[in-house]
PDB file of N, CA and C in Angstrom:
ATOM      1  N   MET A   1      67.538  92.344 120.837  1.00  0.00           N
ATOM      2  CA  MET A   1      66.645  91.969 119.763  1.00  0.00           C
ATOM      3  C   MET A   1      67.377  91.014 118.821  1.00  0.00           C
ATOM      4  N   LYS A   2      66.648  90.131 118.229  1.00  0.00           N
ATOM      5  CA  LYS A   2      67.226  89.145 117.327  1.00  0.00           C
ATOM      6  C   LYS A   2      66.537  89.232 115.978  1.00  0.00           C
ATOM      7  N   GLY A   3      67.301  88.883 114.932  1.00  0.00           N
ATOM      8  CA  GLY A   3      66.704  88.785 113.610  1.00  0.00           C
ATOM      9  C   GLY A   3      65.844  87.535 113.553  1.00  0.00           C
ATOM     10  N   LYS A   4      64.670  87.638 112.930  1.00  0.00           N
ATOM     11  CA  LYS A   4      63.747  86.512 112.916  1.00  0.00           C
ATOM     12  C   LYS A   4      63.301  86.220 111.495  1.00  0.00           C
ATOM     13  N   ILE A   5      63.424  84.958 111.126  1.00  0.00           N
ATOM     14  CA  ILE A   5      62.971  84.490 109.827  1.00  0.00           C
ATOM     15  C   ILE A   5      61.959  83.385 110.085  1.00  0.00           C
ATOM     16  N   THR A   6      60.818  83.477 109.434  1.00  0.00           N
ATOM     17  CA  THR A   6      59.789  82.460 109.580  1.00  0.00           C
ATOM     18  C   THR A   6      59.620  81.751 108.242  1.00  0.00           C
ATOM     19  N   ASN A   7      59.662  80.425 108.275  1.00  0.00           N
ATOM     20  CA  ASN A   7      59.422  79.649 107.062  1.00  0.00           C
ATOM     21  C   ASN A   7      58.511  78.475 107.398  1.00  0.00           C
ATOM     22  N   GLU A   8      58.353  77.540 106.452  1.00  0.00           N
ATOM     23  CA  GLU A   8      57.428  76.425 106.663  1.00  0.00           C
ATOM     24  C   GLU A   8      57.883  75.468 107.755  1.00  0.00           C
ATOM     25  N   TYR A   9      59.170  75.551 108.159  1.00  0.00           N
ATOM     26  CA  TYR A   9      59.698  74.665 109.190  1.00  0.00           C
ATOM     27  C   TYR A   9      59.629  75.275 110.585  1.00  0.00           C
ATOM     28  N   GLY A  10      59.388  76.573 110.671  1.00  0.00           N
ATOM     29  CA  GLY A  10      59.327  77.230 111.974  1.00  0.00           C
ATOM     30  C   GLY A  10      60.037  78.572 111.939  1.00  0.00           C
ATOM     31  N   GLU A  11      60.587  78.978 113.077  1.00  0.00           N
ATOM     32  CA  GLU A  11      61.256  80.266 113.193  1.00  0.00           C
ATOM     33  C   GLU A  11      62.754  80.080 113.387  1.00  0.00           C
ATOM     34  N   ILE A  12      63.498  80.995 112.779  1.00  0.00           N
ATOM     35  CA  ILE A  12      64.947  81.019 112.954  1.00  0.00           C
ATOM     36  C   ILE A  12      65.293  82.363 113.571  1.00  0.00           C
ATOM     37  N   LEU A  13      65.980  82.341 114.718  1.00  0.00           N
ATOM     38  CA  LEU A  13      66.398  83.571 115.381  1.00  0.00           C
ATOM     39  C   LEU A  13      67.907  83.720 115.238  1.00  0.00           C
ATOM     40  N   ILE A  14      68.333  84.909 114.773  1.00  0.00           N
ATOM     41  CA  ILE A  14      69.756  85.183 114.587  1.00  0.00           C
ATOM     42  C   ILE A  14      70.126  86.360 115.473  1.00  0.00           C
ATOM     43  N   ASP A  15      71.114  86.174 116.333  1.00  0.00           N
ATOM     44  CA  ASP A  15      71.564  87.240 117.225  1.00  0.00           C
ATOM     45  C   ASP A  15      72.227  88.342 116.397  1.00  0.00           C
ATOM     46  N   LEU A  16      71.999  89.594 116.777  1.00  0.00           N
ATOM     47  CA  LEU A  16      72.565  90.717 116.033  1.00  0.00           C
ATOM     48  C   LEU A  16      74.089  90.763 116.102  1.00  0.00           C
ATOM     49  N   ASP A  17      74.678  90.187 117.157  1.00  0.00           N
ATOM     50  CA  ASP A  17      76.139  90.109 117.231  1.00  0.00           C
ATOM     51  C   ASP A  17      76.709  89.211 116.132  1.00  0.00           C
ATOM     52  N   VAL A  18      75.995  88.164 115.795  1.00  0.00           N
ATOM     53  CA  VAL A  18      76.427  87.268 114.722  1.00  0.00           C
ATOM     54  C   VAL A  18      76.388  88.015 113.387  1.00  0.00           C
ATOM     55  N   ILE A  19      75.315  88.766 113.179  1.00  0.00           N
ATOM     56  CA  ILE A  19      75.183  89.529 111.937  1.00  0.00           C
ATOM     57  C   ILE A  19      76.254  90.612 111.854  1.00  0.00           C
ATOM     58  N   SER A  20      76.533  91.292 112.962  1.00  0.00           N
ATOM     59  CA  SER A  20      77.541  92.358 112.931  1.00  0.00           C
ATOM     60  C   SER A  20      78.943  91.785 112.702  1.00  0.00           C
ATOM     61  N   GLN A  21      79.250  90.614 113.260  1.00  0.00           N
ATOM     62  CA  GLN A  21      80.550  89.987 113.017  1.00  0.00           C
ATOM     63  C   GLN A  21      80.693  89.608 111.551  1.00  0.00           C
ATOM     64  N   TYR A  22      79.645  89.035 110.976  1.00  0.00           N
ATOM     65  CA  TYR A  22      79.680  88.664 109.563  1.00  0.00           C
ATOM     66  C   TYR A  22      79.769  89.907 108.677  1.00  0.00           C
ATOM     67  N   ALA A  23      79.049  90.966 109.052  1.00  0.00           N
ATOM     68  CA  ALA A  23      79.084  92.216 108.281  1.00  0.00           C
ATOM     69  C   ALA A  23      80.469  92.840 108.322  1.00  0.00           C
ATOM     70  N   GLY A  24      81.146  92.773 109.467  1.00  0.00           N
ATOM     71  CA  GLY A  24      82.508  93.280 109.569  1.00  0.00           C
ATOM     72  C   GLY A  24      83.474  92.497 108.707  1.00  0.00           C
ATOM     73  N   THR A  25      83.327  91.194 108.686  1.00  0.00           N
ATOM     74  CA  THR A  25      84.180  90.348 107.862  1.00  0.00           C
ATOM     75  C   THR A  25      83.931  90.612 106.378  1.00  0.00           C
ATOM     76  N   ALA A  26      82.675  90.785 106.002  1.00  0.00           N
ATOM     77  CA  ALA A  26      82.336  91.078 104.607  1.00  0.00           C
ATOM     78  C   ALA A  26      82.905  92.427 104.179  1.00  0.00           C
ATOM     79  N   ALA A  27      82.915  93.392 105.077  1.00  0.00           N
ATOM     80  CA  ALA A  27      83.459  94.709 104.751  1.00  0.00           C
ATOM     81  C   ALA A  27      84.960  94.660 104.541  1.00  0.00           C
ATOM     82  N   MET A  28      85.648  93.848 105.314  1.00  0.00           N
ATOM     83  CA  MET A  28      87.100  93.756 105.204  1.00  0.00           C
ATOM     84  C   MET A  28      87.545  93.140 103.874  1.00  0.00           C
ATOM     85  N   GLU A  29      86.645  92.452 103.194  1.00  0.00           N
ATOM     86  CA  GLU A  29      86.962  91.876 101.893  1.00  0.00           C
ATOM     87  C   GLU A  29      86.937  92.920 100.785  1.00  0.00           C
ATOM     88  N   CYS A  30      86.398  94.100 101.062  1.00  0.00           N
ATOM     89  CA  CYS A  30      86.267  95.143 100.053  1.00  0.00           C
ATOM     90  C   CYS A  30      87.594  95.867  99.854  1.00  0.00           C
ATOM     91  N   SER A  31      87.906  96.146  98.627  1.00  0.00           N
ATOM     92  CA  SER A  31      89.128  96.862  98.287  1.00  0.00           C
ATOM     93  C   SER A  31      89.054  98.301  98.789  1.00  0.00           C
ATOM     94  N   GLY A  32      90.129  98.774  99.407  1.00  0.00           N
ATOM     95  CA  GLY A  32      90.182 100.146  99.890  1.00  0.00           C
ATOM     96  C   GLY A  32      89.867 100.304 101.360  1.00  0.00           C
ATOM     97  N   ILE A  33      89.328  99.264 101.990  1.00  0.00           N
ATOM     98  CA  ILE A  33      89.017  99.304 103.419  1.00  0.00           C
ATOM     99  C   ILE A  33      90.235  98.780 104.184  1.00  0.00           C
ATOM    100  N   VAL A  34      90.779  99.607 105.070  1.00  0.00           N
ATOM    101  CA  VAL A  34      91.917  99.203 105.890  1.00  0.00           C
ATOM    102  C   VAL A  34      91.432  98.455 107.120  1.00  0.00           C
ATOM    103  N   GLY A  35      90.329  98.916 107.715  1.00  0.00           N
ATOM    104  CA  GLY A  35      89.800  98.262 108.900  1.00  0.00           C
ATOM    105  C   GLY A  35      88.617  99.010 109.471  1.00  0.00           C
ATOM    106  N   MET A  36      88.089  98.464 110.562  1.00  0.00           N
ATOM    107  CA  MET A  36      86.997  99.103 111.290  1.00  0.00           C
ATOM    108  C   MET A  36      87.584 100.060 112.307  1.00  0.00           C
ATOM    109  N   ALA A  37      86.817 101.071 112.673  1.00  0.00           N
ATOM    110  CA  ALA A  37      87.302 102.079 113.605  1.00  0.00           C
ATOM    111  C   ALA A  37      86.411 102.130 114.836  1.00  0.00           C
ATOM    112  N   ALA A  38      87.038 102.377 115.968  1.00  0.00           N
ATOM    113  CA  ALA A  38      86.315 102.639 117.212  1.00  0.00           C
ATOM    114  C   ALA A  38      86.557 104.094 117.559  1.00  0.00           C
ATOM    115  N   VAL A  39      85.481 104.834 117.788  1.00  0.00           N
ATOM    116  CA  VAL A  39      85.597 106.255 118.084  1.00  0.00           C
ATOM    117  C   VAL A  39      85.376 106.458 119.571  1.00  0.00           C
ATOM    118  N   ASN A  40      86.311 107.128 120.232  1.00  0.00           N
ATOM    119  CA  ASN A  40      86.167 107.481 121.634  1.00  0.00           C
ATOM    120  C   ASN A  40      85.455 108.831 121.699  1.00  0.00           C
ATOM    121  N   MET A  41      84.234 108.835 122.184  1.00  0.00           N
ATOM    122  CA  MET A  41      83.423 110.051 122.168  1.00  0.00           C
ATOM    123  C   MET A  41      83.939 111.138 123.110  1.00  0.00           C
ATOM    124  N   THR A  42      84.622 110.768 124.173  1.00  0.00           N
ATOM    125  CA  THR A  42      85.061 111.778 125.138  1.00  0.00           C
ATOM    126  C   THR A  42      86.188 112.644 124.594  1.00  0.00           C
ATOM    127  N   ASP A  43      87.162 112.037 123.925  1.00  0.00           N
ATOM    128  CA  ASP A  43      88.274 112.841 123.410  1.00  0.00           C
ATOM    129  C   ASP A  43      88.352 112.856 121.883  1.00  0.00           C
ATOM    130  N   GLY A  44      87.427 112.197 121.183  1.00  0.00           N
ATOM    131  CA  GLY A  44      87.367 112.249 119.734  1.00  0.00           C
ATOM    132  C   GLY A  44      88.447 111.463 119.005  1.00  0.00           C
ATOM    133  N   LEU A  45      89.133 110.577 119.697  1.00  0.00           N
ATOM    134  CA  LEU A  45      90.183 109.775 119.060  1.00  0.00           C
ATOM    135  C   LEU A  45      89.578 108.588 118.320  1.00  0.00           C
ATOM    136  N   VAL A  46      90.198 108.270 117.199  1.00  0.00           N
ATOM    137  CA  VAL A  46      89.779 107.128 116.398  1.00  0.00           C
ATOM    138  C   VAL A  46      90.852 106.057 116.517  1.00  0.00           C
ATOM    139  N   ARG A  47      90.422 104.819 116.761  1.00  0.00           N
ATOM    140  CA  ARG A  47      91.358 103.710 116.946  1.00  0.00           C
ATOM    141  C   ARG A  47      91.029 102.623 115.938  1.00  0.00           C
ATOM    142  N   LEU A  48      92.053 102.142 115.238  1.00  0.00           N
ATOM    143  CA  LEU A  48      91.873 101.050 114.285  1.00  0.00           C
ATOM    144  C   LEU A  48      91.722  99.747 115.062  1.00  0.00           C
ATOM    145  N   LEU A  49      90.660  98.998 114.779  1.00  0.00           N
ATOM    146  CA  LEU A  49      90.380  97.763 115.510  1.00  0.00           C
ATOM    147  C   LEU A  49      91.100  96.577 114.893  1.00  0.00           C
ATOM    148  N   LYS A  50      91.440  95.614 115.729  1.00  0.00           N
ATOM    149  CA  LYS A  50      92.060  94.382 115.258  1.00  0.00           C
ATOM    150  C   LYS A  50      90.992  93.490 114.635  1.00  0.00           C
ATOM    151  N   ARG A  51      91.449  92.507 113.904  1.00  0.00           N
ATOM    152  CA  ARG A  51      90.541  91.620 113.178  1.00  0.00           C
ATOM    153  C   ARG A  51      89.570  90.872 114.113  1.00  0.00           C
ATOM    154  N   GLU A  52      89.978  90.620 115.358  1.00  0.00           N
ATOM    155  CA  GLU A  52      89.115  89.884 116.287  1.00  0.00           C
ATOM    156  C   GLU A  52      87.927  90.722 116.769  1.00  0.00           C
ATOM    157  N   SER A  53      88.035  92.039 116.704  1.00  0.00           N
ATOM    158  CA  SER A  53      86.960  92.893 117.236  1.00  0.00           C
ATOM    159  C   SER A  53      86.335  93.755 116.150  1.00  0.00           C
ATOM    160  N   LEU A  54      86.123  93.169 114.983  1.00  0.00           N
ATOM    161  CA  LEU A  54      85.517  93.903 113.867  1.00  0.00           C
ATOM    162  C   LEU A  54      84.099  94.355 114.172  1.00  0.00           C
ATOM    163  N   ASN A  55      83.378  93.571 114.968  1.00  0.00           N
ATOM    164  CA  ASN A  55      81.979  93.904 115.230  1.00  0.00           C
ATOM    165  C   ASN A  55      81.816  95.170 116.065  1.00  0.00           C
ATOM    166  N   LYS A  56      82.889  95.678 116.664  1.00  0.00           N
ATOM    167  CA  LYS A  56      82.789  96.923 117.423  1.00  0.00           C
ATOM    168  C   LYS A  56      82.710  98.141 116.502  1.00  0.00           C
ATOM    169  N   GLY A  57      83.140  98.004 115.268  1.00  0.00           N
ATOM    170  CA  GLY A  57      83.042  99.089 114.297  1.00  0.00           C
ATOM    171  C   GLY A  57      81.780  99.019 113.465  1.00  0.00           C
ATOM    172  N   VAL A  58      80.923  98.039 113.781  1.00  0.00           N
ATOM    173  CA  VAL A  58      79.682  97.823 113.037  1.00  0.00           C
ATOM    174  C   VAL A  58      78.526  97.794 114.023  1.00  0.00           C
ATOM    175  N   SER A  59      77.453  98.499 113.701  1.00  0.00           N
ATOM    176  CA  SER A  59      76.245  98.373 114.522  1.00  0.00           C
ATOM    177  C   SER A  59      75.084  97.958 113.622  1.00  0.00           C
ATOM    178  N   VAL A  60      74.299  97.016 114.116  1.00  0.00           N
ATOM    179  CA  VAL A  60      73.173  96.469 113.352  1.00  0.00           C
ATOM    180  C   VAL A  60      71.903  96.670 114.154  1.00  0.00           C
ATOM    181  N   GLU A  61      70.865  97.153 113.490  1.00  0.00           N
ATOM    182  CA  GLU A  61      69.547  97.331 114.106  1.00  0.00           C
ATOM    183  C   GLU A  61      68.491  96.729 113.189  1.00  0.00           C
ATOM    184  N   ILE A  62      67.357  96.407 113.761  1.00  0.00           N
ATOM    185  CA  ILE A  62      66.218  95.964 112.959  1.00  0.00           C
ATOM    186  C   ILE A  62      65.137  97.022 113.079  1.00  0.00           C
ATOM    187  N   VAL A  63      64.784  97.618 111.939  1.00  0.00           N
ATOM    188  CA  VAL A  63      63.752  98.645 111.885  1.00  0.00           C
ATOM    189  C   VAL A  63      62.758  98.236 110.799  1.00  0.00           C
ATOM    190  N   ASN A  64      61.493  98.154 111.168  1.00  0.00           N
ATOM    191  CA  ASN A  64      60.435  97.751 110.228  1.00  0.00           C
ATOM    192  C   ASN A  64      60.782  96.449 109.502  1.00  0.00           C
ATOM    193  N   ASN A  65      61.284  95.494 110.251  1.00  0.00           N
ATOM    194  CA  ASN A  65      61.621  94.157 109.748  1.00  0.00           C
ATOM    195  C   ASN A  65      62.729  94.169 108.695  1.00  0.00           C
ATOM    196  N   GLU A  66      63.559  95.216 108.687  1.00  0.00           N
ATOM    197  CA  GLU A  66      64.714  95.305 107.801  1.00  0.00           C
ATOM    198  C   GLU A  66      65.956  95.587 108.633  1.00  0.00           C
ATOM    199  N   LEU A  67      67.086  95.078 108.179  1.00  0.00           N
ATOM    200  CA  LEU A  67      68.350  95.350 108.859  1.00  0.00           C
ATOM    201  C   LEU A  67      68.879  96.720 108.439  1.00  0.00           C
ATOM    202  N   GLN A  68      69.372  97.476 109.422  1.00  0.00           N
ATOM    203  CA  GLN A  68      70.067  98.727 109.151  1.00  0.00           C
ATOM    204  C   GLN A  68      71.455  98.592 109.741  1.00  0.00           C
ATOM    205  N   ILE A  69      72.467  98.852 108.912  1.00  0.00           N
ATOM    206  CA  ILE A  69      73.846  98.618 109.311  1.00  0.00           C
ATOM    207  C   ILE A  69      74.626  99.924 109.230  1.00  0.00           C
ATOM    208  N   ASN A  70      75.358 100.238 110.294  1.00  0.00           N
ATOM    209  CA  ASN A  70      76.240 101.405 110.336  1.00  0.00           C
ATOM    210  C   ASN A  70      77.675 100.924 110.428  1.00  0.00           C
ATOM    211  N   TYR A  71      78.527 101.455 109.554  1.00  0.00           N
ATOM    212  CA  TYR A  71      79.948 101.121 109.531  1.00  0.00           C
ATOM    213  C   TYR A  71      80.773 102.338 109.902  1.00  0.00           C
ATOM    214  N   HIS A  72      81.776 102.131 110.726  1.00  0.00           N
ATOM    215  CA  HIS A  72      82.797 103.143 111.016  1.00  0.00           C
ATOM    216  C   HIS A  72      84.094 102.544 110.496  1.00  0.00           C
ATOM    217  N   VAL A  73      84.620 103.110 109.395  1.00  0.00           N
ATOM    218  CA  VAL A  73      85.748 102.489 108.708  1.00  0.00           C
ATOM    219  C   VAL A  73      86.926 103.447 108.573  1.00  0.00           C
ATOM    220  N   VAL A  74      88.076 102.850 108.347  1.00  0.00           N
ATOM    221  CA  VAL A  74      89.286 103.569 107.973  1.00  0.00           C
ATOM    222  C   VAL A  74      89.613 103.113 106.556  1.00  0.00           C
ATOM    223  N   VAL A  75      89.826 104.082 105.649  1.00  0.00           N
ATOM    224  CA  VAL A  75      90.094 103.746 104.256  1.00  0.00           C
ATOM    225  C   VAL A  75      91.569 103.960 103.929  1.00  0.00           C
ATOM    226  N   ALA A  76      91.995 103.378 102.828  1.00  0.00           N
ATOM    227  CA  ALA A  76      93.377 103.504 102.374  1.00  0.00           C
ATOM    228  C   ALA A  76      93.590 104.884 101.758  1.00  0.00           C
ATOM    229  N   TYR A  77      94.775 105.412 101.942  1.00  0.00           N
ATOM    230  CA  TYR A  77      95.131 106.706 101.377  1.00  0.00           C
ATOM    231  C   TYR A  77      95.169 106.609  99.847  1.00  0.00           C
ATOM    232  N   GLY A  78      94.583 107.594  99.175  1.00  0.00           N
ATOM    233  CA  GLY A  78      94.640 107.669  97.720  1.00  0.00           C
ATOM    234  C   GLY A  78      93.497 107.004  96.985  1.00  0.00           C
ATOM    235  N   VAL A  79      92.580 106.367  97.689  1.00  0.00           N
ATOM    236  CA  VAL A  79      91.447 105.723  97.020  1.00  0.00           C
ATOM    237  C   VAL A  79      90.292 106.720  96.892  1.00  0.00           C
ATOM    238  N   ASN A  80      89.405 106.454  95.964  1.00  0.00           N
ATOM    239  CA  ASN A  80      88.200 107.259  95.808  1.00  0.00           C
ATOM    240  C   ASN A  80      87.198 106.781  96.862  1.00  0.00           C
ATOM    241  N   ILE A  81      86.919 107.624  97.837  1.00  0.00           N
ATOM    242  CA  ILE A  81      86.067 107.226  98.963  1.00  0.00           C
ATOM    243  C   ILE A  81      84.664 106.861  98.499  1.00  0.00           C
ATOM    244  N   SER A  82      84.130 107.592  97.536  1.00  0.00           N
ATOM    245  CA  SER A  82      82.795 107.296  97.030  1.00  0.00           C
ATOM    246  C   SER A  82      82.723 105.907  96.397  1.00  0.00           C
ATOM    247  N   THR A  83      83.740 105.546  95.648  1.00  0.00           N
ATOM    248  CA  THR A  83      83.782 104.229  95.013  1.00  0.00           C
ATOM    249  C   THR A  83      83.929 103.123  96.047  1.00  0.00           C
ATOM    250  N   VAL A  84      84.781 103.342  97.037  1.00  0.00           N
ATOM    251  CA  VAL A  84      84.976 102.348  98.097  1.00  0.00           C
ATOM    252  C   VAL A  84      83.672 102.147  98.872  1.00  0.00           C
ATOM    253  N   ALA A  85      82.992 103.247  99.217  1.00  0.00           N
ATOM    254  CA  ALA A  85      81.730 103.147  99.965  1.00  0.00           C
ATOM    255  C   ALA A  85      80.650 102.449  99.143  1.00  0.00           C
ATOM    256  N   SER A  86      80.572 102.752  97.868  1.00  0.00           N
ATOM    257  CA  SER A  86      79.590 102.108  96.990  1.00  0.00           C
ATOM    258  C   SER A  86      79.859 100.613  96.875  1.00  0.00           C
ATOM    259  N   ASN A  87      81.125 100.251  96.725  1.00  0.00           N
ATOM    260  CA  ASN A  87      81.522  98.838  96.666  1.00  0.00           C
ATOM    261  C   ASN A  87      81.182  98.130  97.975  1.00  0.00           C
ATOM    262  N   LEU A  88      81.451  98.790  99.095  1.00  0.00           N
ATOM    263  CA  LEU A  88      81.146  98.228 100.412  1.00  0.00           C
ATOM    264  C   LEU A  88      79.647  97.967 100.559  1.00  0.00           C
ATOM    265  N   VAL A  89      78.838  98.942 100.197  1.00  0.00           N
ATOM    266  CA  VAL A  89      77.385  98.810 100.346  1.00  0.00           C
ATOM    267  C   VAL A  89      76.845  97.667  99.495  1.00  0.00           C
ATOM    268  N   SER A  90      77.234  97.600  98.224  1.00  0.00           N
ATOM    269  CA  SER A  90      76.691  96.545  97.361  1.00  0.00           C
ATOM    270  C   SER A  90      77.174  95.163  97.779  1.00  0.00           C
ATOM    271  N   ASN A  91      78.458  95.049  98.145  1.00  0.00           N
ATOM    272  CA  ASN A  91      79.011  93.765  98.573  1.00  0.00           C
ATOM    273  C   ASN A  91      78.350  93.276  99.863  1.00  0.00           C
ATOM    274  N   VAL A  92      78.241  94.161 100.833  1.00  0.00           N
ATOM    275  CA  VAL A  92      77.660  93.778 102.127  1.00  0.00           C
ATOM    276  C   VAL A  92      76.174  93.456 101.985  1.00  0.00           C
ATOM    277  N   ARG A  93      75.451  94.270 101.229  1.00  0.00           N
ATOM    278  CA  ARG A  93      74.006  94.011 101.053  1.00  0.00           C
ATOM    279  C   ARG A  93      73.801  92.601 100.489  1.00  0.00           C
ATOM    280  N   TYR A  94      74.532  92.258  99.456  1.00  0.00           N
ATOM    281  CA  TYR A  94      74.382  90.939  98.840  1.00  0.00           C
ATOM    282  C   TYR A  94      74.728  89.822  99.829  1.00  0.00           C
ATOM    283  N   LYS A  95      75.883  89.951 100.486  1.00  0.00           N
ATOM    284  CA  LYS A  95      76.336  88.875 101.382  1.00  0.00           C
ATOM    285  C   LYS A  95      75.435  88.706 102.599  1.00  0.00           C
ATOM    286  N   ILE A  96      74.996  89.803 103.207  1.00  0.00           N
ATOM    287  CA  ILE A  96      74.122  89.707 104.384  1.00  0.00           C
ATOM    288  C   ILE A  96      72.763  89.121 104.016  1.00  0.00           C
ATOM    289  N   GLU A  97      72.207  89.543 102.882  1.00  0.00           N
ATOM    290  CA  GLU A  97      70.910  88.995 102.472  1.00  0.00           C
ATOM    291  C   GLU A  97      71.022  87.505 102.156  1.00  0.00           C
ATOM    292  N   GLN A  98      72.133  87.076 101.575  1.00  0.00           N
ATOM    293  CA  GLN A  98      72.325  85.654 101.307  1.00  0.00           C
ATOM    294  C   GLN A  98      72.549  84.867 102.592  1.00  0.00           C
ATOM    295  N   PHE A  99      73.280  85.447 103.533  1.00  0.00           N
ATOM    296  CA  PHE A  99      73.619  84.785 104.800  1.00  0.00           C
ATOM    297  C   PHE A  99      72.408  84.639 105.710  1.00  0.00           C
ATOM    298  N   THR A 100      71.630  85.718 105.840  1.00  0.00           N
ATOM    299  CA  THR A 100      70.539  85.711 106.814  1.00  0.00           C
ATOM    300  C   THR A 100      69.167  85.436 106.210  1.00  0.00           C
ATOM    301  N   GLY A 101      68.977  85.757 104.946  1.00  0.00           N
ATOM    302  CA  GLY A 101      67.643  85.653 104.361  1.00  0.00           C
ATOM    303  C   GLY A 101      66.774  86.843 104.706  1.00  0.00           C
ATOM    304  N   MET A 102      67.350  87.841 105.380  1.00  0.00           N
ATOM    305  CA  MET A 102      66.599  89.042 105.754  1.00  0.00           C
ATOM    306  C   MET A 102      66.929  90.165 104.774  1.00  0.00           C
ATOM    307  N   LYS A 103      66.012  91.105 104.639  1.00  0.00           N
ATOM    308  CA  LYS A 103      66.224  92.258 103.756  1.00  0.00           C
ATOM    309  C   LYS A 103      67.082  93.290 104.470  1.00  0.00           C
ATOM    310  N   VAL A 104      68.044  93.856 103.735  1.00  0.00           N
ATOM    311  CA  VAL A 104      68.886  94.920 104.265  1.00  0.00           C
ATOM    312  C   VAL A 104      68.340  96.249 103.749  1.00  0.00           C
ATOM    313  N   GLY A 105      67.976  97.123 104.676  1.00  0.00           N
ATOM    314  CA  GLY A 105      67.454  98.439 104.313  1.00  0.00           C
ATOM    315  C   GLY A 105      68.590  99.411 104.068  1.00  0.00           C
ATOM    316  N   LYS A 106      68.922 100.193 105.075  1.00  0.00           N
ATOM    317  CA  LYS A 106      69.962 101.208 104.952  1.00  0.00           C
ATOM    318  C   LYS A 106      71.310 100.674 105.408  1.00  0.00           C
ATOM    319  N   ILE A 107      72.343 101.102 104.686  1.00  0.00           N
ATOM    320  CA  ILE A 107      73.723 100.863 105.099  1.00  0.00           C
ATOM    321  C   ILE A 107      74.398 102.227 105.101  1.00  0.00           C
ATOM    322  N   ARG A 108      74.851 102.645 106.274  1.00  0.00           N
ATOM    323  CA  ARG A 108      75.529 103.939 106.398  1.00  0.00           C
ATOM    324  C   ARG A 108      77.018 103.691 106.607  1.00  0.00           C
ATOM    325  N   VAL A 109      77.841 104.451 105.878  1.00  0.00           N
ATOM    326  CA  VAL A 109      79.290 104.315 105.981  1.00  0.00           C
ATOM    327  C   VAL A 109      79.859 105.628 106.515  1.00  0.00           C
ATOM    328  N   PHE A 110      80.504 105.563 107.673  1.00  0.00           N
ATOM    329  CA  PHE A 110      81.159 106.721 108.285  1.00  0.00           C
ATOM    330  C   PHE A 110      82.661 106.511 108.156  1.00  0.00           C
ATOM    331  N   VAL A 111      83.317 107.358 107.360  1.00  0.00           N
ATOM    332  CA  VAL A 111      84.766 107.250 107.200  1.00  0.00           C
ATOM    333  C   VAL A 111      85.399 108.022 108.335  1.00  0.00           C
ATOM    334  N   GLU A 112      86.059 107.303 109.229  1.00  0.00           N
ATOM    335  CA  GLU A 112      86.635 107.890 110.441  1.00  0.00           C
ATOM    336  C   GLU A 112      88.108 108.252 110.290  1.00  0.00           C
ATOM    337  N   GLY A 113      88.748 107.752 109.223  1.00  0.00           N
ATOM    338  CA  GLY A 113      90.151 108.074 109.046  1.00  0.00           C
ATOM    339  C   GLY A 113      90.705 107.521 107.753  1.00  0.00           C
ATOM    340  N   VAL A 114      91.929 107.969 107.454  1.00  0.00           N
ATOM    341  CA  VAL A 114      92.647 107.526 106.269  1.00  0.00           C
ATOM    342  C   VAL A 114      94.017 107.038 106.728  1.00  0.00           C
ATOM    343  N   ARG A 115      94.458 105.935 106.160  1.00  0.00           N
ATOM    344  CA  ARG A 115      95.747 105.378 106.570  1.00  0.00           C
ATOM    345  C   ARG A 115      96.522 104.934 105.332  1.00  0.00           C
ATOM    346  N   VAL A 116      97.822 105.174 105.359  1.00  0.00           N
ATOM    347  CA  VAL A 116      98.696 104.728 104.286  1.00  0.00           C
ATOM    348  C   VAL A 116      98.973 103.248 104.487  1.00  0.00           C
ATOM    349  N   ILE A 117      98.809 102.485 103.427  1.00  0.00           N
ATOM    350  CA  ILE A 117      99.071 101.045 103.478  1.00  0.00           C
ATOM    351  C   ILE A 117     100.501 100.797 103.037  1.00  0.00           C
ATOM    352  N   ASP A 118     101.230  99.989 103.794  1.00  0.00           N
ATOM    353  CA  ASP A 118     102.629  99.667 103.457  1.00  0.00           C
ATOM    354  C   ASP A 118     102.705  98.657 102.353  1.00  0.00           C
TER     355      ASP A 118
END
């Protein structure tokens, strides 16, 4: 499925992979976020993803013509998780709506781990 925007010039289709890559990059700009996480469902291990594969820690869906974004993140040790998640949601909502022109509905943040930053 693709994101679709209709205006006076025609239709614009945006692939969800493009949106998820941009959403991952926008999340990494938030203070307190160490990185995206990949969860292995068979053994329950969490793996910190490299910068090139940020979109694997982000899933984007379109429901009722709104974007719904799920994040699996690793946060820095000692930060207030509620504040980091709130900052992530507001920052990403603004940037995605400006980037795509589409409305962002729900943003879910799943904290998969905590890591000490050197």
